[in-house]
Amino acid sequence: MTFSKSLLVLPLIGAMSACAPVGPDKSHDQSFFDRDDLSGMKAGIWVDPTGCDHWIIDDGVEGYLSARIDKYGKPVCSGVASPTYIHGDFKQGSTSIIGDPL
């Protein structure tokens, strides 16, 4: 009887261990030169070739890009800029000591 109970408990323990956080904290810049909080930086909008928006932040050394989606998970295609162009000051808030030539 004890053996059968342990067989039931082991999968439960395995499932609970999967709930532990894995990987680095994605809300902070992981750069060696500066460790800025990404919420303090200003994101711009890059429009891809199909016309859909993406959030973009440039920290000089590192860059961050993610698709802009609505509450249903569908891409936002606002037409805020021409395809392959960026709208907004996506470098504002960075304290990087390394400049970006672009």
C-alpha atoms as a PDB file:
ATOM      1  CA  MET A   1       0.000   0.000   0.000  1.00  0.00           C
ATOM      2  CA  THR A   2       2.852   2.418   0.779  1.00  0.00           C
ATOM      3  CA  PHE A   3       4.467   1.753  -2.583  1.00  0.00           C
ATOM      4  CA  SER A   4       1.275   2.616  -4.474  1.00  0.00           C
ATOM      5  CA  LYS A   5       0.891   5.859  -2.520  1.00  0.00           C
ATOM      6  CA  SER A   6       4.455   6.866  -3.345  1.00  0.00           C
ATOM      7  CA  LEU A   7       3.716   6.250  -7.035  1.00  0.00           C
ATOM      8  CA  LEU A   8       0.840   8.724  -6.775  1.00  0.00           C
ATOM      9  CA  VAL A   9       2.875  11.341  -4.892  1.00  0.00           C
ATOM     10  CA  LEU A  10       5.939  11.346  -7.183  1.00  0.00           C
ATOM     11  CA  PRO A  11       4.125  12.802 -10.237  1.00  0.00           C
ATOM     12  CA  LEU A  12       2.590  15.463  -7.995  1.00  0.00           C
ATOM     13  CA  ILE A  13       6.031  16.481  -6.717  1.00  0.00           C
ATOM     14  CA  GLY A  14       7.310  16.597 -10.310  1.00  0.00           C
ATOM     15  CA  ALA A  15       4.422  18.800 -11.372  1.00  0.00           C
ATOM     16  CA  MET A  16       5.008  21.190  -8.474  1.00  0.00           C
ATOM     17  CA  SER A  17       8.707  21.512  -9.317  1.00  0.00           C
ATOM     18  CA  ALA A  18       7.753  22.698 -12.804  1.00  0.00           C
ATOM     19  CA  CYS A  19       6.182  25.810 -11.234  1.00  0.00           C
ATOM     20  CA  ALA A  20       9.558  27.208 -10.135  1.00  0.00           C
ATOM     21  CA  PRO A  21      10.762  30.254 -12.108  1.00  0.00           C
ATOM     22  CA  VAL A  22      13.386  29.456 -14.718  1.00  0.00           C
ATOM     23  CA  GLY A  23      15.828  31.804 -16.406  1.00  0.00           C
ATOM     24  CA  PRO A  24      16.842  35.419 -15.859  1.00  0.00           C
ATOM     25  CA  ASP A  25      14.529  38.269 -14.938  1.00  0.00           C
ATOM     26  CA  LYS A  26      13.374  39.724 -18.275  1.00  0.00           C
ATOM     27  CA  SER A  27      12.183  43.016 -16.768  1.00  0.00           C
ATOM     28  CA  HIS A  28      15.750  44.300 -16.266  1.00  0.00           C
ATOM     29  CA  ASP A  29      18.550  44.960 -18.711  1.00  0.00           C
ATOM     30  CA  GLN A  30      21.179  42.227 -18.228  1.00  0.00           C
ATOM     31  CA  SER A  31      24.062  44.205 -19.750  1.00  0.00           C
ATOM     32  CA  PHE A  32      27.527  44.226 -18.218  1.00  0.00           C
ATOM     33  CA  PHE A  33      27.841  48.005 -18.647  1.00  0.00           C
ATOM     34  CA  ASP A  34      24.509  49.146 -17.241  1.00  0.00           C
ATOM     35  CA  ARG A  35      21.597  47.371 -15.610  1.00  0.00           C
ATOM     36  CA  ASP A  36      18.590  49.521 -16.336  1.00  0.00           C
ATOM     37  CA  ASP A  37      15.003  48.698 -15.523  1.00  0.00           C
ATOM     38  CA  LEU A  38      13.247  48.306 -18.876  1.00  0.00           C
ATOM     39  CA  SER A  39      10.085  49.949 -17.529  1.00  0.00           C
ATOM     40  CA  GLY A  40      12.037  53.225 -17.272  1.00  0.00           C
ATOM     41  CA  MET A  41      12.918  53.222 -20.966  1.00  0.00           C
ATOM     42  CA  LYS A  42      10.686  54.539 -23.699  1.00  0.00           C
ATOM     43  CA  ALA A  43       9.624  52.148 -26.447  1.00  0.00           C
ATOM     44  CA  GLY A  44       9.149  53.105 -30.056  1.00  0.00           C
ATOM     45  CA  ILE A  45       7.100  51.316 -32.683  1.00  0.00           C
ATOM     46  CA  TRP A  46       8.782  49.579 -35.614  1.00  0.00           C
ATOM     47  CA  VAL A  47       6.503  48.673 -38.505  1.00  0.00           C
ATOM     48  CA  ASP A  48       7.431  45.410 -40.219  1.00  0.00           C
ATOM     49  CA  PRO A  49       7.218  44.904 -44.019  1.00  0.00           C
ATOM     50  CA  THR A  50       3.642  43.584 -43.715  1.00  0.00           C
ATOM     51  CA  GLY A  51       2.530  46.757 -41.878  1.00  0.00           C
ATOM     52  CA  CYS A  52       2.197  45.350 -38.334  1.00  0.00           C
ATOM     53  CA  ASP A  53       3.610  47.052 -35.235  1.00  0.00           C
ATOM     54  CA  HIS A  54       6.390  45.879 -32.914  1.00  0.00           C
ATOM     55  CA  TRP A  55       7.612  47.475 -29.671  1.00  0.00           C
ATOM     56  CA  ILE A  56      11.325  48.373 -29.879  1.00  0.00           C
ATOM     57  CA  ILE A  57      13.801  49.594 -27.235  1.00  0.00           C
ATOM     58  CA  ASP A  58      17.479  50.248 -28.027  1.00  0.00           C
ATOM     59  CA  ASP A  59      19.921  50.416 -25.123  1.00  0.00           C
ATOM     60  CA  GLY A  60      23.048  50.993 -27.218  1.00  0.00           C
ATOM     61  CA  VAL A  61      24.525  47.543 -26.605  1.00  0.00           C
ATOM     62  CA  GLU A  62      21.322  45.550 -26.484  1.00  0.00           C
ATOM     63  CA  GLY A  63      18.038  45.884 -28.272  1.00  0.00           C
ATOM     64  CA  TYR A  64      14.588  44.578 -27.436  1.00  0.00           C
ATOM     65  CA  LEU A  65      11.775  43.858 -29.872  1.00  0.00           C
ATOM     66  CA  SER A  66       8.385  42.261 -29.343  1.00  0.00           C
ATOM     67  CA  ALA A  67       5.217  42.072 -31.367  1.00  0.00           C
ATOM     68  CA  ARG A  68       2.489  44.559 -30.459  1.00  0.00           C
ATOM     69  CA  ILE A  69      -0.669  42.542 -29.884  1.00  0.00           C
ATOM     70  CA  ASP A  70      -4.217  43.322 -28.813  1.00  0.00           C
ATOM     71  CA  LYS A  71      -6.028  41.748 -25.852  1.00  0.00           C
ATOM     72  CA  TYR A  72      -7.009  38.774 -28.026  1.00  0.00           C
ATOM     73  CA  GLY A  73      -3.414  38.031 -29.076  1.00  0.00           C
ATOM     74  CA  LYS A  74      -3.789  39.320 -32.623  1.00  0.00           C
ATOM     75  CA  PRO A  75      -1.132  41.609 -34.154  1.00  0.00           C
ATOM     76  CA  VAL A  76      -1.762  45.360 -34.168  1.00  0.00           C
ATOM     77  CA  CYS A  77      -1.324  46.948 -37.601  1.00  0.00           C
ATOM     78  CA  SER A  78      -2.049  50.620 -36.881  1.00  0.00           C
ATOM     79  CA  GLY A  79      -0.412  52.309 -39.878  1.00  0.00           C
ATOM     80  CA  VAL A  80       1.441  54.733 -37.563  1.00  0.00           C
ATOM     81  CA  ALA A  81       4.443  54.685 -39.947  1.00  0.00           C
ATOM     82  CA  SER A  82       5.462  53.329 -43.328  1.00  0.00           C
ATOM     83  CA  PRO A  83       6.661  49.700 -43.420  1.00  0.00           C
ATOM     84  CA  THR A  84      10.253  49.202 -42.136  1.00  0.00           C
ATOM     85  CA  TYR A  85      10.251  52.606 -40.376  1.00  0.00           C
ATOM     86  CA  ILE A  86      10.317  53.433 -36.646  1.00  0.00           C
ATOM     87  CA  HIS A  87       7.962  55.849 -34.898  1.00  0.00           C
ATOM     88  CA  GLY A  88       8.950  57.344 -31.537  1.00  0.00           C
ATOM     89  CA  ASP A  89      12.096  57.904 -29.485  1.00  0.00           C
ATOM     90  CA  PHE A  90      13.033  54.289 -28.779  1.00  0.00           C
ATOM     91  CA  LYS A  91      16.434  55.209 -27.236  1.00  0.00           C
ATOM     92  CA  GLN A  92      15.077  57.498 -24.502  1.00  0.00           C
ATOM     93  CA  GLY A  93      15.770  56.399 -20.930  1.00  0.00           C
ATOM     94  CA  SER A  94      18.952  54.491 -21.700  1.00  0.00           C
ATOM     95  CA  THR A  95      22.007  55.291 -19.581  1.00  0.00           C
ATOM     96  CA  SER A  96      24.404  53.239 -21.704  1.00  0.00           C
ATOM     97  CA  ILE A  97      28.010  54.467 -21.878  1.00  0.00           C
ATOM     98  CA  ILE A  98      28.357  52.952 -25.334  1.00  0.00           C
ATOM     99  CA  GLY A  99      26.822  55.020 -28.095  1.00  0.00           C
ATOM    100  CA  ASP A 100      24.882  53.625 -30.991  1.00  0.00           C
ATOM    101  CA  PRO A 101      25.810  55.007 -34.416  1.00  0.00           C
ATOM    102  CA  LEU A 102      22.309  54.441 -35.837  1.00  0.00           C
END
